[in-house]
PDB file of N, CA and C in Angstrom:
ATOM      1  N   UNK A   1       0.801  -1.064  -0.434  1.00  0.00           N
ATOM      2  CA  UNK A   1      -0.033   0.117   0.458  1.00  0.00           C
ATOM      3  C   UNK A   1       0.713   1.729   0.334  1.00  0.00           C
ATOM      4  N   UNK A   2       0.836   2.168  -0.893  1.00  0.00           N
ATOM      5  CA  UNK A   2       1.615   3.715  -1.118  1.00  0.00           C
ATOM      6  C   UNK A   2       0.530   4.421   0.282  1.00  0.00           C
ATOM      7  N   UNK A   3       1.542   5.557   1.017  1.00  0.00           N
ATOM      8  CA  UNK A   3       1.249   6.580   1.292  1.00  0.00           C
ATOM      9  C   UNK A   3       0.334   7.180   0.558  1.00  0.00           C
ATOM     10  N   UNK A   4      -0.905   7.742   0.909  1.00  0.00           N
ATOM     11  CA  UNK A   4      -1.231   8.613   1.064  1.00  0.00           C
ATOM     12  C   UNK A   4      -0.742   9.690   0.320  1.00  0.00           C
ATOM     13  N   UNK A   5      -0.629  10.637  -0.418  1.00  0.00           N
ATOM     14  CA  UNK A   5      -0.646  11.986  -0.964  1.00  0.00           C
ATOM     15  C   UNK A   5      -0.769  12.831  -0.047  1.00  0.00           C
ATOM     16  N   UNK A   6      -2.269  12.671   0.733  1.00  0.00           N
ATOM     17  CA  UNK A   6      -2.801  13.670   1.118  1.00  0.00           C
ATOM     18  C   UNK A   6      -2.436  14.317   3.329  1.00  0.00           C
ATOM     19  N   UNK A   7      -1.667  13.141   3.255  1.00  0.00           N
ATOM     20  CA  UNK A   7      -1.670  12.359   4.827  1.00  0.00           C
ATOM     21  C   UNK A   7      -0.818  13.544   5.353  1.00  0.00           C
ATOM     22  N   UNK A   8      -0.881  14.054   6.396  1.00  0.00           N
ATOM     23  CA  UNK A   8      -0.360  14.974   6.733  1.00  0.00           C
ATOM     24  C   UNK A   8       1.320  15.361   7.141  1.00  0.00           C
ATOM     25  N   UNK A   9       1.572  13.994   7.081  1.00  0.00           N
ATOM     26  CA  UNK A   9       3.471  13.792   8.090  1.00  0.00           C
ATOM     27  C   UNK A   9       3.781  13.731   5.663  1.00  0.00           C
ATOM     28  N   UNK A  10       3.209  13.994   5.145  1.00  0.00           N
ATOM     29  CA  UNK A  10       3.978  13.537   3.881  1.00  0.00           C
ATOM     30  C   UNK A  10       3.148  15.699   2.987  1.00  0.00           C
ATOM     31  N   UNK A  11       2.909  16.291   3.544  1.00  0.00           N
ATOM     32  CA  UNK A  11       2.446  17.906   3.804  1.00  0.00           C
ATOM     33  C   UNK A  11       3.617  18.287   4.393  1.00  0.00           C
ATOM     34  N   UNK A  12       4.122  18.258   4.979  1.00  0.00           N
ATOM     35  CA  UNK A  12       5.331  18.763   6.670  1.00  0.00           C
ATOM     36  C   UNK A  12       6.579  19.708   5.249  1.00  0.00           C
ATOM     37  N   UNK A  13       6.123  21.274   6.167  1.00  0.00           N
ATOM     38  CA  UNK A  13       7.100  21.447   5.176  1.00  0.00           C
ATOM     39  C   UNK A  13       7.886  22.335   6.266  1.00  0.00           C
ATOM     40  N   UNK A  14       9.548  22.410   5.773  1.00  0.00           N
ATOM     41  CA  UNK A  14      10.809  22.676   5.844  1.00  0.00           C
ATOM     42  C   UNK A  14      10.514  24.493   6.604  1.00  0.00           C
ATOM     43  N   UNK A  15      10.847  24.106   8.438  1.00  0.00           N
ATOM     44  CA  UNK A  15      10.412  25.142   8.962  1.00  0.00           C
ATOM     45  C   UNK A  15      10.777  27.168   8.881  1.00  0.00           C
ATOM     46  N   UNK A  16       9.921  27.983   7.987  1.00  0.00           N
ATOM     47  CA  UNK A  16      11.315  29.072   7.835  1.00  0.00           C
ATOM     48  C   UNK A  16      12.483  29.529   8.749  1.00  0.00           C
ATOM     49  N   UNK A  17      13.196  30.844   8.231  1.00  0.00           N
ATOM     50  CA  UNK A  17      13.934  31.531   8.755  1.00  0.00           C
ATOM     51  C   UNK A  17      13.182  31.784  10.263  1.00  0.00           C
ATOM     52  N   UNK A  18      12.359  32.529  10.339  1.00  0.00           N
ATOM     53  CA  UNK A  18      11.591  33.115  12.294  1.00  0.00           C
ATOM     54  C   UNK A  18      11.162  31.372  12.774  1.00  0.00           C
ATOM     55  N   UNK A  19      10.910  30.397  12.032  1.00  0.00           N
ATOM     56  CA  UNK A  19      10.794  29.665  12.749  1.00  0.00           C
ATOM     57  C   UNK A  19      11.905  28.476  13.629  1.00  0.00           C
ATOM     58  N   UNK A  20      13.084  29.513  13.467  1.00  0.00           N
ATOM     59  CA  UNK A  20      13.524  27.660  13.749  1.00  0.00           C
ATOM     60  C   UNK A  20      13.943  27.615  15.247  1.00  0.00           C
ATOM     61  N   UNK A  21      14.388  26.605  15.644  1.00  0.00           N
ATOM     62  CA  UNK A  21      13.911  26.252  16.752  1.00  0.00           C
ATOM     63  C   UNK A  21      15.514  26.490  18.476  1.00  0.00           C
ATOM     64  N   UNK A  22      15.617  27.778  18.173  1.00  0.00           N
ATOM     65  CA  UNK A  22      16.964  28.996  19.095  1.00  0.00           C
ATOM     66  C   UNK A  22      16.073  28.653  20.279  1.00  0.00           C
ATOM     67  N   UNK A  23      17.150  28.597  21.172  1.00  0.00           N
ATOM     68  CA  UNK A  23      16.448  29.436  22.526  1.00  0.00           C
ATOM     69  C   UNK A  23      16.539  31.065  22.590  1.00  0.00           C
ATOM     70  N   UNK A  24      15.770  31.709  22.840  1.00  0.00           N
ATOM     71  CA  UNK A  24      15.735  33.930  23.762  1.00  0.00           C
ATOM     72  C   UNK A  24      17.316  33.393  24.470  1.00  0.00           C
ATOM     73  N   UNK A  25      17.594  34.546  24.567  1.00  0.00           N
ATOM     74  CA  UNK A  25      18.673  35.177  24.655  1.00  0.00           C
ATOM     75  C   UNK A  25      18.301  34.623  26.387  1.00  0.00           C
ATOM     76  N   UNK A  26      19.716  34.127  27.448  1.00  0.00           N
ATOM     77  CA  UNK A  26      19.304  34.924  29.119  1.00  0.00           C
ATOM     78  C   UNK A  26      20.322  35.675  29.248  1.00  0.00           C
ATOM     79  N   UNK A  27      19.481  36.478  30.289  1.00  0.00           N
ATOM     80  CA  UNK A  27      20.169  37.393  30.877  1.00  0.00           C
ATOM     81  C   UNK A  27      20.248  36.455  31.851  1.00  0.00           C
ATOM     82  N   UNK A  28      22.111  37.209  31.857  1.00  0.00           N
ATOM     83  CA  UNK A  28      23.519  37.111  32.673  1.00  0.00           C
ATOM     84  C   UNK A  28      23.613  38.179  33.986  1.00  0.00           C
ATOM     85  N   UNK A  29      23.323  37.761  35.323  1.00  0.00           N
ATOM     86  CA  UNK A  29      23.936  38.720  36.043  1.00  0.00           C
ATOM     87  C   UNK A  29      25.102  38.121  36.850  1.00  0.00           C
ATOM     88  N   UNK A  30      25.742  40.060  37.367  1.00  0.00           N
ATOM     89  CA  UNK A  30      26.988  40.073  37.271  1.00  0.00           C
ATOM     90  C   UNK A  30      27.182  39.117  38.720  1.00  0.00           C
ATOM     91  N   UNK A  31      28.387  38.802  38.681  1.00  0.00           N
ATOM     92  CA  UNK A  31      29.043  37.643  39.866  1.00  0.00           C
ATOM     93  C   UNK A  31      29.365  39.380  41.496  1.00  0.00           C
ATOM     94  N   UNK A  32      28.327  38.556  42.347  1.00  0.00           N
ATOM     95  CA  UNK A  32      29.225  39.283  43.873  1.00  0.00           C
ATOM     96  C   UNK A  32      29.858  39.319  43.572  1.00  0.00           C
ATOM     97  N   UNK A  33      30.592  40.504  44.858  1.00  0.00           N
ATOM     98  CA  UNK A  33      32.675  39.798  46.059  1.00  0.00           C
ATOM     99  C   UNK A  33      31.812  39.106  46.430  1.00  0.00           C
ATOM    100  N   UNK A  34      30.073  38.985  47.231  1.00  0.00           N
ATOM    101  CA  UNK A  34      30.669  38.393  47.940  1.00  0.00           C
ATOM    102  C   UNK A  34      30.126  36.273  47.948  1.00  0.00           C
ATOM    103  N   UNK A  35      29.774  36.431  46.252  1.00  0.00           N
ATOM    104  CA  UNK A  35      29.712  35.561  45.706  1.00  0.00           C
ATOM    105  C   UNK A  35      31.232  34.151  45.308  1.00  0.00           C
ATOM    106  N   UNK A  36      31.786  35.531  44.834  1.00  0.00           N
ATOM    107  CA  UNK A  36      32.470  34.966  44.040  1.00  0.00           C
ATOM    108  C   UNK A  36      33.846  34.876  44.699  1.00  0.00           C
ATOM    109  N   UNK A  37      33.280  35.584  46.439  1.00  0.00           N
ATOM    110  CA  UNK A  37      34.335  34.832  47.426  1.00  0.00           C
ATOM    111  C   UNK A  37      33.756  33.238  48.415  1.00  0.00           C
ATOM    112  N   UNK A  38      33.190  33.706  48.566  1.00  0.00           N
ATOM    113  CA  UNK A  38      32.736  31.844  48.974  1.00  0.00           C
ATOM    114  C   UNK A  38      32.528  30.517  47.824  1.00  0.00           C
ATOM    115  N   UNK A  39      32.631  30.841  46.817  1.00  0.00           N
ATOM    116  CA  UNK A  39      33.171  29.960  45.271  1.00  0.00           C
ATOM    117  C   UNK A  39      34.583  30.453  45.890  1.00  0.00           C
ATOM    118  N   UNK A  40      35.153  30.624  45.631  1.00  0.00           N
ATOM    119  CA  UNK A  40      36.826  30.673  45.560  1.00  0.00           C
ATOM    120  C   UNK A  40      37.207  29.589  46.988  1.00  0.00           C
ATOM    121  N   UNK A  41      36.151  30.019  48.157  1.00  0.00           N
ATOM    122  CA  UNK A  41      36.654  29.952  48.978  1.00  0.00           C
ATOM    123  C   UNK A  41      36.856  27.789  49.120  1.00  0.00           C
ATOM    124  N   UNK A  42      35.577  27.507  48.229  1.00  0.00           N
ATOM    125  CA  UNK A  42      35.377  26.161  47.989  1.00  0.00           C
ATOM    126  C   UNK A  42      36.070  25.363  47.217  1.00  0.00           C
ATOM    127  N   UNK A  43      35.864  25.390  45.887  1.00  0.00           N
ATOM    128  CA  UNK A  43      36.535  25.052  45.027  1.00  0.00           C
ATOM    129  C   UNK A  43      37.652  25.992  44.433  1.00  0.00           C
ATOM    130  N   UNK A  44      38.676  26.321  45.264  1.00  0.00           N
ATOM    131  CA  UNK A  44      39.818  26.917  44.459  1.00  0.00           C
ATOM    132  C   UNK A  44      40.655  25.992  44.056  1.00  0.00           C
ATOM    133  N   UNK A  45      41.064  24.711  44.609  1.00  0.00           N
ATOM    134  CA  UNK A  45      41.557  24.031  43.905  1.00  0.00           C
ATOM    135  C   UNK A  45      41.692  23.991  42.276  1.00  0.00           C
ATOM    136  N   UNK A  46      39.723  23.285  42.198  1.00  0.00           N
ATOM    137  CA  UNK A  46      39.934  23.339  40.655  1.00  0.00           C
ATOM    138  C   UNK A  46      39.654  24.233  40.454  1.00  0.00           C
ATOM    139  N   UNK A  47      40.529  25.514  40.359  1.00  0.00           N
ATOM    140  CA  UNK A  47      39.902  26.132  39.541  1.00  0.00           C
ATOM    141  C   UNK A  47      41.688  26.476  39.664  1.00  0.00           C
ATOM    142  N   UNK A  48      42.339  26.711  40.431  1.00  0.00           N
ATOM    143  CA  UNK A  48      44.498  27.229  40.023  1.00  0.00           C
ATOM    144  C   UNK A  48      44.830  25.575  39.029  1.00  0.00           C
ATOM    145  N   UNK A  49      43.873  24.154  39.238  1.00  0.00           N
ATOM    146  CA  UNK A  49      44.739  22.772  38.347  1.00  0.00           C
ATOM    147  C   UNK A  49      43.596  23.065  37.143  1.00  0.00           C
ATOM    148  N   UNK A  50      42.717  23.815  37.032  1.00  0.00           N
ATOM    149  CA  UNK A  50      41.872  23.873  35.455  1.00  0.00           C
ATOM    150  C   UNK A  50      40.831  23.139  35.066  1.00  0.00           C
ATOM    151  N   UNK A  51      40.183  22.457  35.974  1.00  0.00           N
ATOM    152  CA  UNK A  51      39.128  20.955  36.431  1.00  0.00           C
ATOM    153  C   UNK A  51      37.919  21.821  37.100  1.00  0.00           C
ATOM    154  N   UNK A  52      37.004  21.086  35.790  1.00  0.00           N
ATOM    155  CA  UNK A  52      35.688  21.924  36.229  1.00  0.00           C
ATOM    156  C   UNK A  52      35.542  20.305  37.855  1.00  0.00           C
ATOM    157  N   UNK A  53      34.555  20.998  38.499  1.00  0.00           N
ATOM    158  CA  UNK A  53      34.074  20.484  39.715  1.00  0.00           C
ATOM    159  C   UNK A  53      33.071  19.216  39.057  1.00  0.00           C
ATOM    160  N   UNK A  54      32.605  17.833  40.408  1.00  0.00           N
ATOM    161  CA  UNK A  54      31.707  17.229  39.739  1.00  0.00           C
ATOM    162  C   UNK A  54      30.284  18.164  40.081  1.00  0.00           C
ATOM    163  N   UNK A  55      29.532  17.171  40.017  1.00  0.00           N
ATOM    164  CA  UNK A  55      28.585  18.192  41.001  1.00  0.00           C
ATOM    165  C   UNK A  55      28.509  18.208  42.348  1.00  0.00           C
ATOM    166  N   UNK A  56      28.829  17.148  43.527  1.00  0.00           N
ATOM    167  CA  UNK A  56      29.208  17.179  45.072  1.00  0.00           C
ATOM    168  C   UNK A  56      29.314  17.746  44.908  1.00  0.00           C
ATOM    169  N   UNK A  57      30.865  18.189  44.495  1.00  0.00           N
ATOM    170  CA  UNK A  57      31.578  19.772  45.168  1.00  0.00           C
ATOM    171  C   UNK A  57      30.680  21.182  44.780  1.00  0.00           C
ATOM    172  N   UNK A  58      30.283  21.090  43.598  1.00  0.00           N
ATOM    173  CA  UNK A  58      29.374  22.559  43.634  1.00  0.00           C
ATOM    174  C   UNK A  58      28.144  22.308  44.869  1.00  0.00           C
ATOM    175  N   UNK A  59      27.428  21.092  44.850  1.00  0.00           N
ATOM    176  CA  UNK A  59      26.479  20.723  46.202  1.00  0.00           C
ATOM    177  C   UNK A  59      26.706  20.967  47.270  1.00  0.00           C
ATOM    178  N   UNK A  60      28.102  21.063  47.709  1.00  0.00           N
ATOM    179  CA  UNK A  60      28.709  21.260  48.786  1.00  0.00           C
ATOM    180  C   UNK A  60      29.194  22.881  48.688  1.00  0.00           C
ATOM    181  N   UNK A  61      29.741  22.725  48.542  1.00  0.00           N
ATOM    182  CA  UNK A  61      30.162  24.665  48.739  1.00  0.00           C
ATOM    183  C   UNK A  61      28.782  25.804  48.345  1.00  0.00           C
ATOM    184  N   UNK A  62      27.606  24.656  48.306  1.00  0.00           N
ATOM    185  CA  UNK A  62      26.023  25.478  47.796  1.00  0.00           C
ATOM    186  C   UNK A  62      25.548  25.791  49.310  1.00  0.00           C
ATOM    187  N   UNK A  63      25.815  23.843  49.695  1.00  0.00           N
ATOM    188  CA  UNK A  63      25.048  23.662  50.966  1.00  0.00           C
ATOM    189  C   UNK A  63      26.200  23.953  52.676  1.00  0.00           C
ATOM    190  N   UNK A  64      27.573  24.816  51.638  1.00  0.00           N
ATOM    191  CA  UNK A  64      28.057  25.697  53.400  1.00  0.00           C
ATOM    192  C   UNK A  64      27.707  26.827  53.189  1.00  0.00           C
ATOM    193  N   UNK A  65      27.809  27.683  52.079  1.00  0.00           N
ATOM    194  CA  UNK A  65      28.143  29.215  51.306  1.00  0.00           C
ATOM    195  C   UNK A  65      25.763  29.337  51.774  1.00  0.00           C
ATOM    196  N   UNK A  66      24.646  29.174  52.006  1.00  0.00           N
ATOM    197  CA  UNK A  66      23.848  28.843  51.304  1.00  0.00           C
ATOM    198  C   UNK A  66      23.336  30.355  51.543  1.00  0.00           C
ATOM    199  N   UNK A  67      23.738  31.687  52.604  1.00  0.00           N
ATOM    200  CA  UNK A  67      23.582  32.729  52.584  1.00  0.00           C
ATOM    201  C   UNK A  67      23.897  32.988  51.265  1.00  0.00           C
ATOM    202  N   UNK A  68      25.591  33.459  50.585  1.00  0.00           N
ATOM    203  CA  UNK A  68      25.854  34.035  49.687  1.00  0.00           C
ATOM    204  C   UNK A  68      25.669  33.752  47.635  1.00  0.00           C
ATOM    205  N   UNK A  69      25.134  32.406  48.817  1.00  0.00           N
ATOM    206  CA  UNK A  69      25.017  31.597  46.667  1.00  0.00           C
ATOM    207  C   UNK A  69      23.275  31.637  46.833  1.00  0.00           C
ATOM    208  N   UNK A  70      22.531  32.414  47.559  1.00  0.00           N
ATOM    209  CA  UNK A  70      21.568  31.553  47.729  1.00  0.00           C
ATOM    210  C   UNK A  70      20.867  32.335  46.964  1.00  0.00           C
ATOM    211  N   UNK A  71      21.191  32.714  45.287  1.00  0.00           N
ATOM    212  CA  UNK A  71      20.043  33.229  43.825  1.00  0.00           C
ATOM    213  C   UNK A  71      20.936  32.031  42.603  1.00  0.00           C
ATOM    214  N   UNK A  72      21.916  30.978  43.354  1.00  0.00           N
ATOM    215  CA  UNK A  72      22.589  30.226  42.560  1.00  0.00           C
ATOM    216  C   UNK A  72      22.197  29.220  42.556  1.00  0.00           C
ATOM    217  N   UNK A  73      22.174  28.249  41.855  1.00  0.00           N
ATOM    218  CA  UNK A  73      21.981  27.243  41.567  1.00  0.00           C
ATOM    219  C   UNK A  73      23.307  26.309  41.613  1.00  0.00           C
ATOM    220  N   UNK A  74      23.412  25.253  41.388  1.00  0.00           N
ATOM    221  CA  UNK A  74      24.672  24.018  41.298  1.00  0.00           C
ATOM    222  C   UNK A  74      25.006  24.311  39.858  1.00  0.00           C
ATOM    223  N   UNK A  75      24.477  24.437  38.632  1.00  0.00           N
ATOM    224  CA  UNK A  75      24.644  24.780  36.582  1.00  0.00           C
ATOM    225  C   UNK A  75      25.833  26.063  37.035  1.00  0.00           C
ATOM    226  N   UNK A  76      24.907  27.335  37.439  1.00  0.00           N
ATOM    227  CA  UNK A  76      26.016  28.132  37.929  1.00  0.00           C
ATOM    228  C   UNK A  76      27.190  28.491  39.102  1.00  0.00           C
ATOM    229  N   UNK A  77      27.190  27.050  39.558  1.00  0.00           N
ATOM    230  CA  UNK A  77      28.421  28.082  40.471  1.00  0.00           C
ATOM    231  C   UNK A  77      29.088  26.688  39.713  1.00  0.00           C
TER     232      UNK A  77
END
């Protein structure tokens, strides 16, 4: 059996330039001195060795510095 030419999947059209699937720009917030000091205090060994900390390391930093990093989450640390 041949597919029907009027079926919806046969009539799909390519996306136009204005319909692309790009994300809207994200508003980035500048880090406060208190936040920078809190992160450096706990993650300086990663910074100096040019390594990326794991999720556990970021969560530990957030737990220990709740007040300073209250507006940040793990992906931002």
